[in-house]
Amino acid sequence: MKTERMYQIIRRPHVSEKTAMLQADSNQYVFEVRSDASKGDIKRAVEGLFEVDVEQVRVVNVKGKQKSFRLVPGRQKGWKKAYVRVRGGQTIEEVQAD
């Protein structure tokens, strides 16, 4: 897989309090990914970009929320989130939450 395609699949890391706890406790990292990416695509992209061994990939479709702006109702876009577990003893330094 080409590096350009890997960057298209893995959009950005999702950093929150929950993901920081996952990193510390169970060596899992959370990424926002393309909505049409499969688990196999995500695994190959993470292994290629960060040079780690991926044990497991879980995928969640996050639904967009109903919002209003100046009393005009609207809807945010939905997105896809991937929980990636890497092999014990390995870390992704670029995504570490402090």
PDB file of N, CA and C in Angstrom:
ATOM      1  N   MET A   1       0.850  -1.171   0.000  1.00  0.00           N
ATOM      2  CA  MET A   1       0.000   0.000   0.000  1.00  0.00           C
ATOM      3  C   MET A   1       0.898   1.237   0.000  1.00  0.00           C
ATOM      4  N   LYS A   2       0.549   2.185  -0.814  1.00  0.00           N
ATOM      5  CA  LYS A   2       1.335   3.419  -0.906  1.00  0.00           C
ATOM      6  C   LYS A   2       1.116   4.294   0.325  1.00  0.00           C
ATOM      7  N   THR A   3       2.138   5.086   0.642  1.00  0.00           N
ATOM      8  CA  THR A   3       2.078   5.955   1.812  1.00  0.00           C
ATOM      9  C   THR A   3       0.955   6.974   1.693  1.00  0.00           C
ATOM     10  N   GLU A   4       0.724   7.479   0.498  1.00  0.00           N
ATOM     11  CA  GLU A   4      -0.349   8.459   0.285  1.00  0.00           C
ATOM     12  C   GLU A   4      -1.709   7.862   0.641  1.00  0.00           C
ATOM     13  N   ARG A   5      -1.923   6.621   0.242  1.00  0.00           N
ATOM     14  CA  ARG A   5      -3.186   5.938   0.547  1.00  0.00           C
ATOM     15  C   ARG A   5      -3.322   5.700   2.049  1.00  0.00           C
ATOM     16  N   MET A   6      -2.207   5.392   2.722  1.00  0.00           N
ATOM     17  CA  MET A   6      -2.246   5.176   4.168  1.00  0.00           C
ATOM     18  C   MET A   6      -2.674   6.443   4.904  1.00  0.00           C
ATOM     19  N   TYR A   7      -2.144   7.590   4.454  1.00  0.00           N
ATOM     20  CA  TYR A   7      -2.533   8.856   5.073  1.00  0.00           C
ATOM     21  C   TYR A   7      -3.985   9.214   4.771  1.00  0.00           C
ATOM     22  N   GLN A   8      -4.530   8.736   3.675  1.00  0.00           N
ATOM     23  CA  GLN A   8      -5.943   8.973   3.381  1.00  0.00           C
ATOM     24  C   GLN A   8      -6.832   8.125   4.282  1.00  0.00           C
ATOM     25  N   ILE A   9      -6.391   6.913   4.604  1.00  0.00           N
ATOM     26  CA  ILE A   9      -7.183   6.029   5.457  1.00  0.00           C
ATOM     27  C   ILE A   9      -7.154   6.514   6.904  1.00  0.00           C
ATOM     28  N   ILE A  10      -5.964   6.781   7.450  1.00  0.00           N
ATOM     29  CA  ILE A  10      -5.819   7.265   8.821  1.00  0.00           C
ATOM     30  C   ILE A  10      -5.834   8.785   8.764  1.00  0.00           C
ATOM     31  N   ARG A  11      -6.939   9.391   9.151  1.00  0.00           N
ATOM     32  CA  ARG A  11      -7.057  10.849   9.036  1.00  0.00           C
ATOM     33  C   ARG A  11      -6.334  11.572  10.156  1.00  0.00           C
ATOM     34  N   ARG A  12      -6.624  11.205  11.414  1.00  0.00           N
ATOM     35  CA  ARG A  12      -5.982  11.867  12.555  1.00  0.00           C
ATOM     36  C   ARG A  12      -6.213  11.012  13.793  1.00  0.00           C
ATOM     37  N   PRO A  13      -5.346  11.164  14.793  1.00  0.00           N
ATOM     38  CA  PRO A  13      -5.610  10.474  16.055  1.00  0.00           C
ATOM     39  C   PRO A  13      -6.728  11.176  16.808  1.00  0.00           C
ATOM     40  N   HIS A  14      -7.507  10.405  17.516  1.00  0.00           N
ATOM     41  CA  HIS A  14      -8.593  10.961  18.334  1.00  0.00           C
ATOM     42  C   HIS A  14      -8.105  10.960  19.777  1.00  0.00           C
ATOM     43  N   VAL A  15      -7.841  12.139  20.326  1.00  0.00           N
ATOM     44  CA  VAL A  15      -7.282  12.256  21.668  1.00  0.00           C
ATOM     45  C   VAL A  15      -8.353  12.791  22.612  1.00  0.00           C
ATOM     46  N   SER A  16      -8.595  12.040  23.670  1.00  0.00           N
ATOM     47  CA  SER A  16      -9.532  12.452  24.714  1.00  0.00           C
ATOM     48  C   SER A  16      -9.083  11.800  26.015  1.00  0.00           C
ATOM     49  N   GLU A  17      -9.815  12.055  27.067  1.00  0.00           N
ATOM     50  CA  GLU A  17      -9.480  11.456  28.353  1.00  0.00           C
ATOM     51  C   GLU A  17      -9.631   9.935  28.296  1.00  0.00           C
ATOM     52  N   LYS A  18     -10.656   9.485  27.622  1.00  0.00           N
ATOM     53  CA  LYS A  18     -10.895   8.049  27.498  1.00  0.00           C
ATOM     54  C   LYS A  18      -9.781   7.373  26.689  1.00  0.00           C
ATOM     55  N   THR A  19      -9.359   7.985  25.605  1.00  0.00           N
ATOM     56  CA  THR A  19      -8.314   7.373  24.789  1.00  0.00           C
ATOM     57  C   THR A  19      -6.969   7.388  25.499  1.00  0.00           C
ATOM     58  N   ALA A  20      -6.714   8.386  26.341  1.00  0.00           N
ATOM     59  CA  ALA A  20      -5.476   8.403  27.125  1.00  0.00           C
ATOM     60  C   ALA A  20      -5.457   7.244  28.116  1.00  0.00           C
ATOM     61  N   MET A  21      -6.598   6.942  28.719  1.00  0.00           N
ATOM     62  CA  MET A  21      -6.679   5.803  29.630  1.00  0.00           C
ATOM     63  C   MET A  21      -6.488   4.488  28.879  1.00  0.00           C
ATOM     64  N   LEU A  22      -7.048   4.378  27.673  1.00  0.00           N
ATOM     65  CA  LEU A  22      -6.865   3.168  26.874  1.00  0.00           C
ATOM     66  C   LEU A  22      -5.402   2.955  26.502  1.00  0.00           C
ATOM     67  N   GLN A  23      -4.709   4.038  26.169  1.00  0.00           N
ATOM     68  CA  GLN A  23      -3.295   3.928  25.832  1.00  0.00           C
ATOM     69  C   GLN A  23      -2.493   3.420  27.013  1.00  0.00           C
ATOM     70  N   ALA A  24      -2.787   3.938  28.189  1.00  0.00           N
ATOM     71  CA  ALA A  24      -2.025   3.556  29.372  1.00  0.00           C
ATOM     72  C   ALA A  24      -2.360   2.138  29.842  1.00  0.00           C
ATOM     73  N   ASP A  25      -3.636   1.772  29.817  1.00  0.00           N
ATOM     74  CA  ASP A  25      -4.064   0.489  30.376  1.00  0.00           C
ATOM     75  C   ASP A  25      -3.907  -0.685  29.419  1.00  0.00           C
ATOM     76  N   SER A  26      -4.379  -0.545  28.191  1.00  0.00           N
ATOM     77  CA  SER A  26      -4.467  -1.713  27.309  1.00  0.00           C
ATOM     78  C   SER A  26      -3.737  -1.549  25.983  1.00  0.00           C
ATOM     79  N   ASN A  27      -2.864  -0.541  25.869  1.00  0.00           N
ATOM     80  CA  ASN A  27      -2.035  -0.360  24.668  1.00  0.00           C
ATOM     81  C   ASN A  27      -2.887  -0.219  23.404  1.00  0.00           C
ATOM     82  N   GLN A  28      -3.991   0.531  23.507  1.00  0.00           N
ATOM     83  CA  GLN A  28      -4.866   0.789  22.372  1.00  0.00           C
ATOM     84  C   GLN A  28      -4.765   2.254  21.971  1.00  0.00           C
ATOM     85  N   TYR A  29      -4.901   2.492  20.664  1.00  0.00           N
ATOM     86  CA  TYR A  29      -4.871   3.839  20.118  1.00  0.00           C
ATOM     87  C   TYR A  29      -6.127   4.040  19.295  1.00  0.00           C
ATOM     88  N   VAL A  30      -6.631   5.269  19.268  1.00  0.00           N
ATOM     89  CA  VAL A  30      -7.883   5.561  18.575  1.00  0.00           C
ATOM     90  C   VAL A  30      -7.607   6.556  17.454  1.00  0.00           C
ATOM     91  N   PHE A  31      -8.132   6.261  16.258  1.00  0.00           N
ATOM     92  CA  PHE A  31      -7.924   7.103  15.090  1.00  0.00           C
ATOM     93  C   PHE A  31      -9.248   7.396  14.426  1.00  0.00           C
ATOM     94  N   GLU A  32      -9.340   8.575  13.822  1.00  0.00           N
ATOM     95  CA  GLU A  32     -10.442   8.865  12.917  1.00  0.00           C
ATOM     96  C   GLU A  32     -10.014   8.362  11.549  1.00  0.00           C
ATOM     97  N   VAL A  33     -10.866   7.572  10.911  1.00  0.00           N
ATOM     98  CA  VAL A  33     -10.510   6.944   9.635  1.00  0.00           C
ATOM     99  C   VAL A  33     -11.567   7.266   8.580  1.00  0.00           C
ATOM    100  N   ARG A  34     -11.222   6.946   7.336  1.00  0.00           N
ATOM    101  CA  ARG A  34     -12.189   7.129   6.246  1.00  0.00           C
ATOM    102  C   ARG A  34     -13.418   6.276   6.485  1.00  0.00           C
ATOM    103  N   SER A  35     -14.552   6.750   6.035  1.00  0.00           N
ATOM    104  CA  SER A  35     -15.796   6.019   6.284  1.00  0.00           C
ATOM    105  C   SER A  35     -15.899   4.739   5.465  1.00  0.00           C
ATOM    106  N   ASP A  36     -15.127   4.607   4.395  1.00  0.00           N
ATOM    107  CA  ASP A  36     -15.181   3.387   3.584  1.00  0.00           C
ATOM    108  C   ASP A  36     -14.007   2.446   3.848  1.00  0.00           C
ATOM    109  N   ALA A  37     -13.205   2.711   4.870  1.00  0.00           N
ATOM    110  CA  ALA A  37     -12.043   1.875   5.185  1.00  0.00           C
ATOM    111  C   ALA A  37     -12.476   0.610   5.916  1.00  0.00           C
ATOM    112  N   SER A  38     -11.870  -0.505   5.553  1.00  0.00           N
ATOM    113  CA  SER A  38     -12.155  -1.770   6.222  1.00  0.00           C
ATOM    114  C   SER A  38     -11.133  -2.006   7.326  1.00  0.00           C
ATOM    115  N   LYS A  39     -11.371  -3.036   8.145  1.00  0.00           N
ATOM    116  CA  LYS A  39     -10.441  -3.351   9.223  1.00  0.00           C
ATOM    117  C   LYS A  39      -9.064  -3.727   8.677  1.00  0.00           C
ATOM    118  N   GLY A  40      -9.045  -4.463   7.584  1.00  0.00           N
ATOM    119  CA  GLY A  40      -7.774  -4.846   6.973  1.00  0.00           C
ATOM    120  C   GLY A  40      -6.996  -3.645   6.456  1.00  0.00           C
ATOM    121  N   ASP A  41      -7.704  -2.692   5.839  1.00  0.00           N
ATOM    122  CA  ASP A  41      -7.057  -1.460   5.364  1.00  0.00           C
ATOM    123  C   ASP A  41      -6.459  -0.668   6.531  1.00  0.00           C
ATOM    124  N   ILE A  42      -7.213  -0.568   7.620  1.00  0.00           N
ATOM    125  CA  ILE A  42      -6.751   0.179   8.782  1.00  0.00           C
ATOM    126  C   ILE A  42      -5.520  -0.500   9.383  1.00  0.00           C
ATOM    127  N   LYS A  43      -5.551  -1.808   9.488  1.00  0.00           N
ATOM    128  CA  LYS A  43      -4.415  -2.552  10.047  1.00  0.00           C
ATOM    129  C   LYS A  43      -3.153  -2.334   9.214  1.00  0.00           C
ATOM    130  N   ARG A  44      -3.267  -2.470   7.891  1.00  0.00           N
ATOM    131  CA  ARG A  44      -2.099  -2.280   7.022  1.00  0.00           C
ATOM    132  C   ARG A  44      -1.589  -0.843   7.085  1.00  0.00           C
ATOM    133  N   ALA A  45      -2.488   0.128   7.176  1.00  0.00           N
ATOM    134  CA  ALA A  45      -2.077   1.531   7.225  1.00  0.00           C
ATOM    135  C   ALA A  45      -1.336   1.846   8.527  1.00  0.00           C
ATOM    136  N   VAL A  46      -1.838   1.369   9.656  1.00  0.00           N
ATOM    137  CA  VAL A  46      -1.172   1.630  10.939  1.00  0.00           C
ATOM    138  C   VAL A  46       0.176   0.932  10.989  1.00  0.00           C
ATOM    139  N   GLU A  47       0.237  -0.312  10.528  1.00  0.00           N
ATOM    140  CA  GLU A  47       1.510  -1.036  10.515  1.00  0.00           C
ATOM    141  C   GLU A  47       2.521  -0.366   9.599  1.00  0.00           C
ATOM    142  N   GLY A  48       2.076   0.159   8.475  1.00  0.00           N
ATOM    143  CA  GLY A  48       2.975   0.798   7.534  1.00  0.00           C
ATOM    144  C   GLY A  48       3.450   2.165   7.980  1.00  0.00           C
ATOM    145  N   LEU A  49       2.559   2.966   8.574  1.00  0.00           N
ATOM    146  CA  LEU A  49       2.917   4.326   8.975  1.00  0.00           C
ATOM    147  C   LEU A  49       3.732   4.371  10.257  1.00  0.00           C
ATOM    148  N   PHE A  50       3.378   3.539  11.228  1.00  0.00           N
ATOM    149  CA  PHE A  50       3.993   3.645  12.551  1.00  0.00           C
ATOM    150  C   PHE A  50       4.957   2.501  12.873  1.00  0.00           C
ATOM    151  N   GLU A  51       5.094   1.526  11.984  1.00  0.00           N
ATOM    152  CA  GLU A  51       6.020   0.393  12.131  1.00  0.00           C
ATOM    153  C   GLU A  51       5.809  -0.354  13.449  1.00  0.00           C
ATOM    154  N   VAL A  52       4.566  -0.760  13.686  1.00  0.00           N
ATOM    155  CA  VAL A  52       4.205  -1.561  14.851  1.00  0.00           C
ATOM    156  C   VAL A  52       3.432  -2.783  14.365  1.00  0.00           C
ATOM    157  N   ASP A  53       3.261  -3.769  15.242  1.00  0.00           N
ATOM    158  CA  ASP A  53       2.456  -4.949  14.932  1.00  0.00           C
ATOM    159  C   ASP A  53       1.081  -4.768  15.551  1.00  0.00           C
ATOM    160  N   VAL A  54       0.047  -4.829  14.728  1.00  0.00           N
ATOM    161  CA  VAL A  54      -1.331  -4.626  15.185  1.00  0.00           C
ATOM    162  C   VAL A  54      -1.933  -5.981  15.529  1.00  0.00           C
ATOM    163  N   GLU A  55      -2.484  -6.091  16.736  1.00  0.00           N
ATOM    164  CA  GLU A  55      -3.144  -7.323  17.160  1.00  0.00           C
ATOM    165  C   GLU A  55      -4.621  -7.327  16.795  1.00  0.00           C
ATOM    166  N   GLN A  56      -5.294  -6.183  16.994  1.00  0.00           N
ATOM    167  CA  GLN A  56      -6.745  -6.151  16.841  1.00  0.00           C
ATOM    168  C   GLN A  56      -7.201  -4.768  16.386  1.00  0.00           C
ATOM    169  N   VAL A  57      -8.241  -4.753  15.560  1.00  0.00           N
ATOM    170  CA  VAL A  57      -8.850  -3.498  15.120  1.00  0.00           C
ATOM    171  C   VAL A  57     -10.354  -3.593  15.361  1.00  0.00           C
ATOM    172  N   ARG A  58     -10.896  -2.598  16.048  1.00  0.00           N
ATOM    173  CA  ARG A  58     -12.346  -2.484  16.237  1.00  0.00           C
ATOM    174  C   ARG A  58     -12.791  -1.176  15.604  1.00  0.00           C
ATOM    175  N   VAL A  59     -13.953  -1.193  14.981  1.00  0.00           N
ATOM    176  CA  VAL A  59     -14.433  -0.030  14.235  1.00  0.00           C
ATOM    177  C   VAL A  59     -15.799   0.387  14.765  1.00  0.00           C
ATOM    178  N   VAL A  60     -15.989   1.698  14.916  1.00  0.00           N
ATOM    179  CA  VAL A  60     -17.252   2.258  15.397  1.00  0.00           C
ATOM    180  C   VAL A  60     -17.675   3.368  14.441  1.00  0.00           C
ATOM    181  N   ASN A  61     -18.929   3.341  14.011  1.00  0.00           N
ATOM    182  CA  ASN A  61     -19.486   4.441  13.236  1.00  0.00           C
ATOM    183  C   ASN A  61     -20.143   5.417  14.206  1.00  0.00           C
ATOM    184  N   VAL A  62     -19.627   6.644  14.253  1.00  0.00           N
ATOM    185  CA  VAL A  62     -20.155   7.668  15.153  1.00  0.00           C
ATOM    186  C   VAL A  62     -21.180   8.485  14.382  1.00  0.00           C
ATOM    187  N   LYS A  63     -22.407   8.529  14.898  1.00  0.00           N
ATOM    188  CA  LYS A  63     -23.466   9.265  14.224  1.00  0.00           C
ATOM    189  C   LYS A  63     -23.315  10.756  14.482  1.00  0.00           C
ATOM    190  N   GLY A  64     -23.678  11.554  13.482  1.00  0.00           N
ATOM    191  CA  GLY A  64     -23.639  13.007  13.631  1.00  0.00           C
ATOM    192  C   GLY A  64     -24.743  13.491  14.554  1.00  0.00           C
ATOM    193  N   LYS A  65     -24.491  14.597  15.238  1.00  0.00           N
ATOM    194  CA  LYS A  65     -25.444  15.127  16.200  1.00  0.00           C
ATOM    195  C   LYS A  65     -26.346  16.183  15.561  1.00  0.00           C
ATOM    196  N   GLN A  66     -27.542  16.322  16.138  1.00  0.00           N
ATOM    197  CA  GLN A  66     -28.446  17.391  15.751  1.00  0.00           C
ATOM    198  C   GLN A  66     -27.989  18.668  16.448  1.00  0.00           C
ATOM    199  N   LYS A  67     -27.772  19.723  15.695  1.00  0.00           N
ATOM    200  CA  LYS A  67     -27.349  21.001  16.261  1.00  0.00           C
ATOM    201  C   LYS A  67     -28.175  22.107  15.623  1.00  0.00           C
ATOM    202  N   SER A  68     -28.161  23.269  16.267  1.00  0.00           N
ATOM    203  CA  SER A  68     -28.809  24.424  15.652  1.00  0.00           C
ATOM    204  C   SER A  68     -27.871  25.617  15.772  1.00  0.00           C
ATOM    205  N   PHE A  69     -27.912  26.472  14.766  1.00  0.00           N
ATOM    206  CA  PHE A  69     -27.096  27.678  14.731  1.00  0.00           C
ATOM    207  C   PHE A  69     -28.015  28.837  14.405  1.00  0.00           C
ATOM    208  N   ARG A  70     -28.156  29.749  15.349  1.00  0.00           N
ATOM    209  CA  ARG A  70     -29.075  30.891  15.192  1.00  0.00           C
ATOM    210  C   ARG A  70     -30.488  30.432  14.845  1.00  0.00           C
ATOM    211  N   LEU A  71     -30.931  29.452  15.576  1.00  0.00           N
ATOM    212  CA  LEU A  71     -32.278  28.882  15.449  1.00  0.00           C
ATOM    213  C   LEU A  71     -32.528  28.183  14.114  1.00  0.00           C
ATOM    214  N   VAL A  72     -31.475  27.894  13.367  1.00  0.00           N
ATOM    215  CA  VAL A  72     -31.600  27.117  12.131  1.00  0.00           C
ATOM    216  C   VAL A  72     -31.122  25.700  12.434  1.00  0.00           C
ATOM    217  N   PRO A  73     -32.023  24.723  12.355  1.00  0.00           N
ATOM    218  CA  PRO A  73     -31.600  23.357  12.684  1.00  0.00           C
ATOM    219  C   PRO A  73     -30.669  22.785  11.609  1.00  0.00           C
ATOM    220  N   GLY A  74     -29.768  21.958  12.059  1.00  0.00           N
ATOM    221  CA  GLY A  74     -28.831  21.319  11.152  1.00  0.00           C
ATOM    222  C   GLY A  74     -28.330  20.020  11.747  1.00  0.00           C
ATOM    223  N   ARG A  75     -27.435  19.368  11.026  1.00  0.00           N
ATOM    224  CA  ARG A  75     -26.909  18.095  11.473  1.00  0.00           C
ATOM    225  C   ARG A  75     -25.424  18.030  11.169  1.00  0.00           C
ATOM    226  N   GLN A  76     -24.627  17.601  12.156  1.00  0.00           N
ATOM    227  CA  GLN A  76     -23.207  17.393  11.920  1.00  0.00           C
ATOM    228  C   GLN A  76     -23.006  16.087  11.152  1.00  0.00           C
ATOM    229  N   LYS A  77     -21.885  15.975  10.464  1.00  0.00           N
ATOM    230  CA  LYS A  77     -21.598  14.766   9.710  1.00  0.00           C
ATOM    231  C   LYS A  77     -21.172  13.646  10.650  1.00  0.00           C
ATOM    232  N   GLY A  78     -21.504  12.436  10.278  1.00  0.00           N
ATOM    233  CA  GLY A  78     -21.036  11.274  11.013  1.00  0.00           C
ATOM    234  C   GLY A  78     -19.615  10.937  10.591  1.00  0.00           C
ATOM    235  N   TRP A  79     -18.916  10.121  11.381  1.00  0.00           N
ATOM    236  CA  TRP A  79     -17.555   9.743  11.069  1.00  0.00           C
ATOM    237  C   TRP A  79     -17.262   8.355  11.617  1.00  0.00           C
ATOM    238  N   LYS A  80     -16.127   7.810  11.237  1.00  0.00           N
ATOM    239  CA  LYS A  80     -15.764   6.459  11.620  1.00  0.00           C
ATOM    240  C   LYS A  80     -14.538   6.496  12.516  1.00  0.00           C
ATOM    241  N   LYS A  81     -14.571   5.705  13.587  1.00  0.00           N
ATOM    242  CA  LYS A  81     -13.502   5.679  14.574  1.00  0.00           C
ATOM    243  C   LYS A  81     -12.970   4.255  14.658  1.00  0.00           C
ATOM    244  N   ALA A  82     -11.640   4.110  14.751  1.00  0.00           N
ATOM    245  CA  ALA A  82     -11.013   2.796  14.844  1.00  0.00           C
ATOM    246  C   ALA A  82     -10.203   2.696  16.125  1.00  0.00           C
ATOM    247  N   TYR A  83     -10.460   1.642  16.899  1.00  0.00           N
ATOM    248  CA  TYR A  83      -9.668   1.317  18.080  1.00  0.00           C
ATOM    249  C   TYR A  83      -8.638   0.278  17.652  1.00  0.00           C
ATOM    250  N   VAL A  84      -7.358   0.622  17.746  1.00  0.00           N
ATOM    251  CA  VAL A  84      -6.280  -0.251  17.274  1.00  0.00           C
ATOM    252  C   VAL A  84      -5.448  -0.684  18.467  1.00  0.00           C
ATOM    253  N   ARG A  85      -5.334  -2.006  18.665  1.00  0.00           N
ATOM    254  CA  ARG A  85      -4.498  -2.545  19.742  1.00  0.00           C
ATOM    255  C   ARG A  85      -3.186  -3.033  19.138  1.00  0.00           C
ATOM    256  N   VAL A  86      -2.081  -2.524  19.670  1.00  0.00           N
ATOM    257  CA  VAL A  86      -0.760  -2.937  19.192  1.00  0.00           C
ATOM    258  C   VAL A  86      -0.172  -3.959  20.158  1.00  0.00           C
ATOM    259  N   ARG A  87       0.806  -4.716  19.662  1.00  0.00           N
ATOM    260  CA  ARG A  87       1.430  -5.771  20.448  1.00  0.00           C
ATOM    261  C   ARG A  87       2.078  -5.187  21.705  1.00  0.00           C
ATOM    262  N   GLY A  88       2.064  -5.960  22.790  1.00  0.00           N
ATOM    263  CA  GLY A  88       2.636  -5.513  24.063  1.00  0.00           C
ATOM    264  C   GLY A  88       4.096  -5.120  23.920  1.00  0.00           C
ATOM    265  N   GLY A  89       4.468  -4.043  24.573  1.00  0.00           N
ATOM    266  CA  GLY A  89       5.834  -3.550  24.515  1.00  0.00           C
ATOM    267  C   GLY A  89       6.086  -2.561  23.394  1.00  0.00           C
ATOM    268  N   GLN A  90       5.135  -2.417  22.472  1.00  0.00           N
ATOM    269  CA  GLN A  90       5.275  -1.464  21.372  1.00  0.00           C
ATOM    270  C   GLN A  90       4.388  -0.251  21.646  1.00  0.00           C
ATOM    271  N   THR A  91       4.854   0.905  21.201  1.00  0.00           N
ATOM    272  CA  THR A  91       4.072   2.132  21.358  1.00  0.00           C
ATOM    273  C   THR A  91       4.143   2.932  20.074  1.00  0.00           C
ATOM    274  N   ILE A  92       3.187   3.819  19.919  1.00  0.00           N
ATOM    275  CA  ILE A  92       3.194   4.777  18.804  1.00  0.00           C
ATOM    276  C   ILE A  92       3.529   6.127  19.430  1.00  0.00           C
ATOM    277  N   GLU A  93       4.761   6.562  19.265  1.00  0.00           N
ATOM    278  CA  GLU A  93       5.242   7.778  19.923  1.00  0.00           C
ATOM    279  C   GLU A  93       4.532   9.033  19.429  1.00  0.00           C
ATOM    280  N   GLU A  94       4.150   9.080  18.152  1.00  0.00           N
ATOM    281  CA  GLU A  94       3.527  10.277  17.587  1.00  0.00           C
ATOM    282  C   GLU A  94       2.141  10.547  18.151  1.00  0.00           C
ATOM    283  N   VAL A  95       1.519   9.531  18.758  1.00  0.00           N
ATOM    284  CA  VAL A  95       0.134   9.648  19.193  1.00  0.00           C
ATOM    285  C   VAL A  95       0.024   9.638  20.719  1.00  0.00           C
ATOM    286  N   GLN A  96       1.106   9.582  21.428  1.00  0.00           N
ATOM    287  CA  GLN A  96       1.075   9.499  22.885  1.00  0.00           C
ATOM    288  C   GLN A  96       0.351  10.700  23.492  1.00  0.00           C
ATOM    289  N   ALA A  97      -0.611  10.405  24.369  1.00  0.00           N
ATOM    290  CA  ALA A  97      -1.327  11.460  25.097  1.00  0.00           C
ATOM    291  C   ALA A  97      -0.649  11.643  26.448  1.00  0.00           C
ATOM    292  N   ASP A  98      -0.327  12.863  26.779  1.00  0.00           N
ATOM    293  CA  ASP A  98       0.377  13.132  28.042  1.00  0.00           C
ATOM    294  C   ASP A  98      -0.562  13.457  29.159  1.00  0.00           C
TER     295      ASP A  98
END
